[in-house]
Amino acid sequence: IAAASGLTLLAAGLVAAVAPPQSVALLAV
């Protein structure tokens, strides 16, 4: 589960980086 933490945080960073600034929904994800 510690490893799952690292992978999930990576996914969060990737989604935040590519999310259009106008998209509240993607920023929420």
PDB file of all heavy atoms in Angstrom:
ATOM      1  N   ILE A   1       0.834  -1.203   0.000  1.00  0.00           N
ATOM      2  CA  ILE A   1       0.000   0.000   0.000  1.00  0.00           C
ATOM      3  C   ILE A   1       0.868   1.251   0.000  1.00  0.00           C
ATOM      4  O   ILE A   1       0.479   2.282  -0.565  1.00  0.00           O
ATOM      5  CB  ILE A   1      -0.965  -0.008   1.196  1.00  0.00           C
ATOM      6  CG1 ILE A   1      -1.743  -1.317   1.224  1.00  0.00           C
ATOM      7  CG2 ILE A   1      -1.940   1.171   1.115  1.00  0.00           C
ATOM      8  CD1 ILE A   1      -2.439  -1.676  -0.086  1.00  0.00           C
ATOM      9  N   ALA A   2       2.050   1.174   0.596  1.00  0.00           N
ATOM     10  CA  ALA A   2       2.988   2.292   0.495  1.00  0.00           C
ATOM     11  C   ALA A   2       3.391   2.505  -0.966  1.00  0.00           C
ATOM     12  O   ALA A   2       3.500   3.644  -1.441  1.00  0.00           O
ATOM     13  CB  ALA A   2       4.218   2.026   1.351  1.00  0.00           C
ATOM     14  N   ALA A   3       3.595   1.412  -1.693  1.00  0.00           N
ATOM     15  CA  ALA A   3       3.909   1.515  -3.122  1.00  0.00           C
ATOM     16  C   ALA A   3       2.726   2.093  -3.895  1.00  0.00           C
ATOM     17  O   ALA A   3       2.907   2.913  -4.811  1.00  0.00           O
ATOM     18  CB  ALA A   3       4.274   0.140  -3.670  1.00  0.00           C
ATOM     19  N   ALA A   4       1.517   1.699  -3.526  1.00  0.00           N
ATOM     20  CA  ALA A   4       0.319   2.239  -4.174  1.00  0.00           C
ATOM     21  C   ALA A   4       0.217   3.741  -3.957  1.00  0.00           C
ATOM     22  O   ALA A   4      -0.281   4.476  -4.819  1.00  0.00           O
ATOM     23  CB  ALA A   4      -0.926   1.543  -3.629  1.00  0.00           C
ATOM     24  N   SER A   5       0.706   4.210  -2.812  1.00  0.00           N
ATOM     25  CA  SER A   5       0.713   5.648  -2.537  1.00  0.00           C
ATOM     26  C   SER A   5       1.554   6.387  -3.569  1.00  0.00           C
ATOM     27  O   SER A   5       1.126   7.392  -4.149  1.00  0.00           O
ATOM     28  CB  SER A   5       1.268   5.911  -1.130  1.00  0.00           C
ATOM     29  OG  SER A   5       1.484   7.297  -0.921  1.00  0.00           O
ATOM     30  N   GLY A   6       2.770   5.880  -3.818  1.00  0.00           N
ATOM     31  CA  GLY A   6       3.641   6.528  -4.791  1.00  0.00           C
ATOM     32  C   GLY A   6       3.039   6.568  -6.181  1.00  0.00           C
ATOM     33  O   GLY A   6       3.095   7.591  -6.873  1.00  0.00           O
ATOM     34  N   LEU A   7       2.425   5.467  -6.605  1.00  0.00           N
ATOM     35  CA  LEU A   7       1.825   5.402  -7.941  1.00  0.00           C
ATOM     36  C   LEU A   7       0.619   6.328  -8.059  1.00  0.00           C
ATOM     37  O   LEU A   7       0.411   6.977  -9.089  1.00  0.00           O
ATOM     38  CB  LEU A   7       1.423   3.965  -8.249  1.00  0.00           C
ATOM     39  CG  LEU A   7       2.579   2.978  -8.424  1.00  0.00           C
ATOM     40  CD1 LEU A   7       2.059   1.550  -8.565  1.00  0.00           C
ATOM     41  CD2 LEU A   7       3.431   3.351  -9.640  1.00  0.00           C
ATOM     42  N   THR A   8      -0.186   6.403  -7.005  1.00  0.00           N
ATOM     43  CA  THR A   8      -1.372   7.259  -7.041  1.00  0.00           C
ATOM     44  C   THR A   8      -0.985   8.731  -7.062  1.00  0.00           C
ATOM     45  O   THR A   8      -1.606   9.544  -7.762  1.00  0.00           O
ATOM     46  CB  THR A   8      -2.281   6.961  -5.827  1.00  0.00           C
ATOM     47  OG1 THR A   8      -2.561   5.569  -5.767  1.00  0.00           O
ATOM     48  CG2 THR A   8      -3.589   7.732  -5.927  1.00  0.00           C
ATOM     49  N   LEU A   9       0.041   9.096  -6.300  1.00  0.00           N
ATOM     50  CA  LEU A   9       0.518  10.483  -6.314  1.00  0.00           C
ATOM     51  C   LEU A   9       1.101  10.844  -7.682  1.00  0.00           C
ATOM     52  O   LEU A   9       0.957  11.980  -8.143  1.00  0.00           O
ATOM     53  CB  LEU A   9       1.558  10.682  -5.211  1.00  0.00           C
ATOM     54  CG  LEU A   9       1.026  10.620  -3.777  1.00  0.00           C
ATOM     55  CD1 LEU A   9       2.177  10.620  -2.775  1.00  0.00           C
ATOM     56  CD2 LEU A   9       0.091  11.798  -3.496  1.00  0.00           C
ATOM     57  N   LEU A  10       1.757   9.886  -8.323  1.00  0.00           N
ATOM     58  CA  LEU A  10       2.254  10.126  -9.682  1.00  0.00           C
ATOM     59  C   LEU A  10       1.088  10.405 -10.623  1.00  0.00           C
ATOM     60  O   LEU A  10       1.138  11.343 -11.437  1.00  0.00           O
ATOM     61  CB  LEU A  10       3.038   8.908 -10.175  1.00  0.00           C
ATOM     62  CG  LEU A  10       3.447   8.928 -11.654  1.00  0.00           C
ATOM     63  CD1 LEU A  10       4.388  10.094 -11.940  1.00  0.00           C
ATOM     64  CD2 LEU A  10       4.087   7.600 -12.047  1.00  0.00           C
ATOM     65  N   ALA A  11       0.035   9.607 -10.528  1.00  0.00           N
ATOM     66  CA  ALA A  11      -1.147   9.815 -11.367  1.00  0.00           C
ATOM     67  C   ALA A  11      -1.755  11.196 -11.115  1.00  0.00           C
ATOM     68  O   ALA A  11      -2.182  11.892 -12.048  1.00  0.00           O
ATOM     69  CB  ALA A  11      -2.180   8.723 -11.101  1.00  0.00           C
ATOM     70  N   ALA A  12      -1.791  11.611  -9.854  1.00  0.00           N
ATOM     71  CA  ALA A  12      -2.332  12.931  -9.512  1.00  0.00           C
ATOM     72  C   ALA A  12      -1.526  14.036 -10.177  1.00  0.00           C
ATOM     73  O   ALA A  12      -2.083  14.992 -10.745  1.00  0.00           O
ATOM     74  CB  ALA A  12      -2.334  13.122  -7.999  1.00  0.00           C
ATOM     75  N   GLY A  13      -0.205  13.921 -10.111  1.00  0.00           N
ATOM     76  CA  GLY A  13       0.651  14.925 -10.721  1.00  0.00           C
ATOM     77  C   GLY A  13       0.463  15.003 -12.226  1.00  0.00           C
ATOM     78  O   GLY A  13       0.412  16.088 -12.810  1.00  0.00           O
ATOM     79  N   LEU A  14       0.327  13.850 -12.872  1.00  0.00           N
ATOM     80  CA  LEU A  14       0.149  13.822 -14.321  1.00  0.00           C
ATOM     81  C   LEU A  14      -1.185  14.446 -14.734  1.00  0.00           C
ATOM     82  O   LEU A  14      -1.250  15.235 -15.682  1.00  0.00           O
ATOM     83  CB  LEU A  14       0.229  12.377 -14.825  1.00  0.00           C
ATOM     84  CG  LEU A  14       1.604  11.700 -14.724  1.00  0.00           C
ATOM     85  CD1 LEU A  14       1.509  10.231 -15.137  1.00  0.00           C
ATOM     86  CD2 LEU A  14       2.635  12.426 -15.591  1.00  0.00           C
ATOM     87  N   VAL A  15      -2.256  14.109 -14.020  1.00  0.00           N
ATOM     88  CA  VAL A  15      -3.570  14.674 -14.352  1.00  0.00           C
ATOM     89  C   VAL A  15      -3.579  16.179 -14.126  1.00  0.00           C
ATOM     90  O   VAL A  15      -4.095  16.944 -14.952  1.00  0.00           O
ATOM     91  CB  VAL A  15      -4.681  13.991 -13.530  1.00  0.00           C
ATOM     92  CG1 VAL A  15      -6.026  14.681 -13.764  1.00  0.00           C
ATOM     93  CG2 VAL A  15      -4.791  12.515 -13.884  1.00  0.00           C
ATOM     94  N   ALA A  16      -3.002  16.635 -13.004  1.00  0.00           N
ATOM     95  CA  ALA A  16      -2.959  18.074 -12.727  1.00  0.00           C
ATOM     96  C   ALA A  16      -2.156  18.816 -13.785  1.00  0.00           C
ATOM     97  O   ALA A  16      -2.494  19.937 -14.181  1.00  0.00           O
ATOM     98  CB  ALA A  16      -2.355  18.318 -11.348  1.00  0.00           C
ATOM     99  N   ALA A  17      -1.085  18.191 -14.275  1.00  0.00           N
ATOM    100  CA  ALA A  17      -0.220  18.842 -15.255  1.00  0.00           C
ATOM    101  C   ALA A  17      -0.906  19.004 -16.610  1.00  0.00           C
ATOM    102  O   ALA A  17      -0.702  20.010 -17.304  1.00  0.00           O
ATOM    103  CB  ALA A  17       1.074  18.058 -15.405  1.00  0.00           C
ATOM    104  N   VAL A  18      -1.701  18.022 -17.002  1.00  0.00           N
ATOM    105  CA  VAL A  18      -2.310  18.066 -18.337  1.00  0.00           C
ATOM    106  C   VAL A  18      -3.728  18.635 -18.326  1.00  0.00           C
ATOM    107  O   VAL A  18      -4.285  18.891 -19.395  1.00  0.00           O
ATOM    108  CB  VAL A  18      -2.337  16.653 -18.976  1.00  0.00           C
ATOM    109  CG1 VAL A  18      -0.936  16.076 -19.066  1.00  0.00           C
ATOM    110  CG2 VAL A  18      -3.256  15.707 -18.205  1.00  0.00           C
ATOM    111  N   ALA A  19      -4.308  18.838 -17.144  1.00  0.00           N
ATOM    112  CA  ALA A  19      -5.681  19.343 -17.069  1.00  0.00           C
ATOM    113  C   ALA A  19      -5.761  20.775 -17.603  1.00  0.00           C
ATOM    114  O   ALA A  19      -4.967  21.633 -17.206  1.00  0.00           O
ATOM    115  CB  ALA A  19      -6.170  19.310 -15.622  1.00  0.00           C
ATOM    116  N   PRO A  20      -6.693  21.064 -18.515  1.00  0.00           N
ATOM    117  CA  PRO A  20      -6.878  22.437 -18.975  1.00  0.00           C
ATOM    118  C   PRO A  20      -7.237  23.341 -17.794  1.00  0.00           C
ATOM    119  O   PRO A  20      -8.039  22.945 -16.940  1.00  0.00           O
ATOM    120  CB  PRO A  20      -8.050  22.329 -19.961  1.00  0.00           C
ATOM    121  CG  PRO A  20      -8.087  20.891 -20.363  1.00  0.00           C
ATOM    122  CD  PRO A  20      -7.621  20.126 -19.162  1.00  0.00           C
ATOM    123  N   PRO A  21      -6.662  24.535 -17.706  1.00  0.00           N
ATOM    124  CA  PRO A  21      -6.950  25.417 -16.565  1.00  0.00           C
ATOM    125  C   PRO A  21      -8.429  25.732 -16.393  1.00  0.00           C
ATOM    126  O   PRO A  21      -8.877  26.021 -15.291  1.00  0.00           O
ATOM    127  CB  PRO A  21      -6.151  26.686 -16.903  1.00  0.00           C
ATOM    128  CG  PRO A  21      -5.079  26.237 -17.839  1.00  0.00           C
ATOM    129  CD  PRO A  21      -5.684  25.120 -18.631  1.00  0.00           C
ATOM    130  N   GLN A  22      -9.191  25.656 -17.496  1.00  0.00           N
ATOM    131  CA  GLN A  22     -10.616  25.969 -17.416  1.00  0.00           C
ATOM    132  C   GLN A  22     -11.444  24.812 -16.845  1.00  0.00           C
ATOM    133  O   GLN A  22     -12.615  24.993 -16.520  1.00  0.00           O
ATOM    134  CB  GLN A  22     -11.157  26.301 -18.819  1.00  0.00           C
ATOM    135  CG  GLN A  22     -10.523  27.515 -19.473  1.00  0.00           C
ATOM    136  CD  GLN A  22      -9.160  27.222 -20.073  1.00  0.00           C
ATOM    137  OE1 GLN A  22      -8.789  26.046 -20.258  1.00  0.00           O
ATOM    138  NE2 GLN A  22      -8.386  28.273 -20.360  1.00  0.00           N
ATOM    139  N   SER A  23     -10.849  23.626 -16.736  1.00  0.00           N
ATOM    140  CA  SER A  23     -11.601  22.447 -16.323  1.00  0.00           C
ATOM    141  C   SER A  23     -11.557  22.241 -14.813  1.00  0.00           C
ATOM    142  O   SER A  23     -10.584  21.700 -14.270  1.00  0.00           O
ATOM    143  CB  SER A  23     -11.056  21.205 -17.037  1.00  0.00           C
ATOM    144  OG  SER A  23     -11.725  20.043 -16.593  1.00  0.00           O
ATOM    145  N   VAL A  24     -12.608  22.652 -14.147  1.00  0.00           N
ATOM    146  CA  VAL A  24     -12.711  22.427 -12.705  1.00  0.00           C
ATOM    147  C   VAL A  24     -12.814  20.929 -12.417  1.00  0.00           C
ATOM    148  O   VAL A  24     -12.252  20.423 -11.438  1.00  0.00           O
ATOM    149  CB  VAL A  24     -13.926  23.172 -12.125  1.00  0.00           C
ATOM    150  CG1 VAL A  24     -14.128  22.829 -10.645  1.00  0.00           C
ATOM    151  CG2 VAL A  24     -13.767  24.675 -12.296  1.00  0.00           C
ATOM    152  N   ALA A  25     -13.501  20.205 -13.301  1.00  0.00           N
ATOM    153  CA  ALA A  25     -13.715  18.770 -13.091  1.00  0.00           C
ATOM    154  C   ALA A  25     -12.391  18.008 -13.083  1.00  0.00           C
ATOM    155  O   ALA A  25     -12.147  17.173 -12.203  1.00  0.00           O
ATOM    156  CB  ALA A  25     -14.636  18.208 -14.169  1.00  0.00           C
ATOM    157  N   LEU A  26     -11.515  18.281 -14.067  1.00  0.00           N
ATOM    158  CA  LEU A  26     -10.245  17.564 -14.122  1.00  0.00           C
ATOM    159  C   LEU A  26      -9.327  17.955 -12.969  1.00  0.00           C
ATOM    160  O   LEU A  26      -8.598  17.118 -12.429  1.00  0.00           O
ATOM    161  CB  LEU A  26      -9.548  17.816 -15.458  1.00  0.00           C
ATOM    162  CG  LEU A  26     -10.009  16.941 -16.627  1.00  0.00           C
ATOM    163  CD1 LEU A  26      -9.256  17.299 -17.901  1.00  0.00           C
ATOM    164  CD2 LEU A  26      -9.843  15.465 -16.305  1.00  0.00           C
ATOM    165  N   LEU A  27      -9.359  19.215 -12.580  1.00  0.00           N
ATOM    166  CA  LEU A  27      -8.570  19.626 -11.417  1.00  0.00           C
ATOM    167  C   LEU A  27      -9.076  18.925 -10.159  1.00  0.00           C
ATOM    168  O   LEU A  27      -8.290  18.540  -9.293  1.00  0.00           O
ATOM    169  CB  LEU A  27      -8.622  21.143 -11.246  1.00  0.00           C
ATOM    170  CG  LEU A  27      -7.828  21.956 -12.273  1.00  0.00           C
ATOM    171  CD1 LEU A  27      -8.115  23.446 -12.115  1.00  0.00           C
ATOM    172  CD2 LEU A  27      -6.326  21.687 -12.125  1.00  0.00           C
ATOM    173  N   ALA A  28     -10.391  18.747 -10.074  1.00  0.00           N
ATOM    174  CA  ALA A  28     -10.958  18.021  -8.928  1.00  0.00           C
ATOM    175  C   ALA A  28     -10.514  16.563  -8.936  1.00  0.00           C
ATOM    176  O   ALA A  28     -10.216  15.984  -7.883  1.00  0.00           O
ATOM    177  CB  ALA A  28     -12.484  18.119  -8.948  1.00  0.00           C
ATOM    178  N   VAL A  29     -10.460  15.951 -10.138  1.00  0.00           N
ATOM    179  CA  VAL A  29      -9.977  14.572 -10.241  1.00  0.00           C
ATOM    180  C   VAL A  29      -8.524  14.481  -9.776  1.00  0.00           C
ATOM    181  O   VAL A  29      -8.141  13.580  -9.018  1.00  0.00           O
ATOM    182  CB  VAL A  29     -10.106  14.066 -11.689  1.00  0.00           C
ATOM    183  CG1 VAL A  29      -9.373  12.728 -11.857  1.00  0.00           C
ATOM    184  CG2 VAL A  29     -11.572  13.908 -12.072  1.00  0.00           C
TER     185      VAL A  29
END
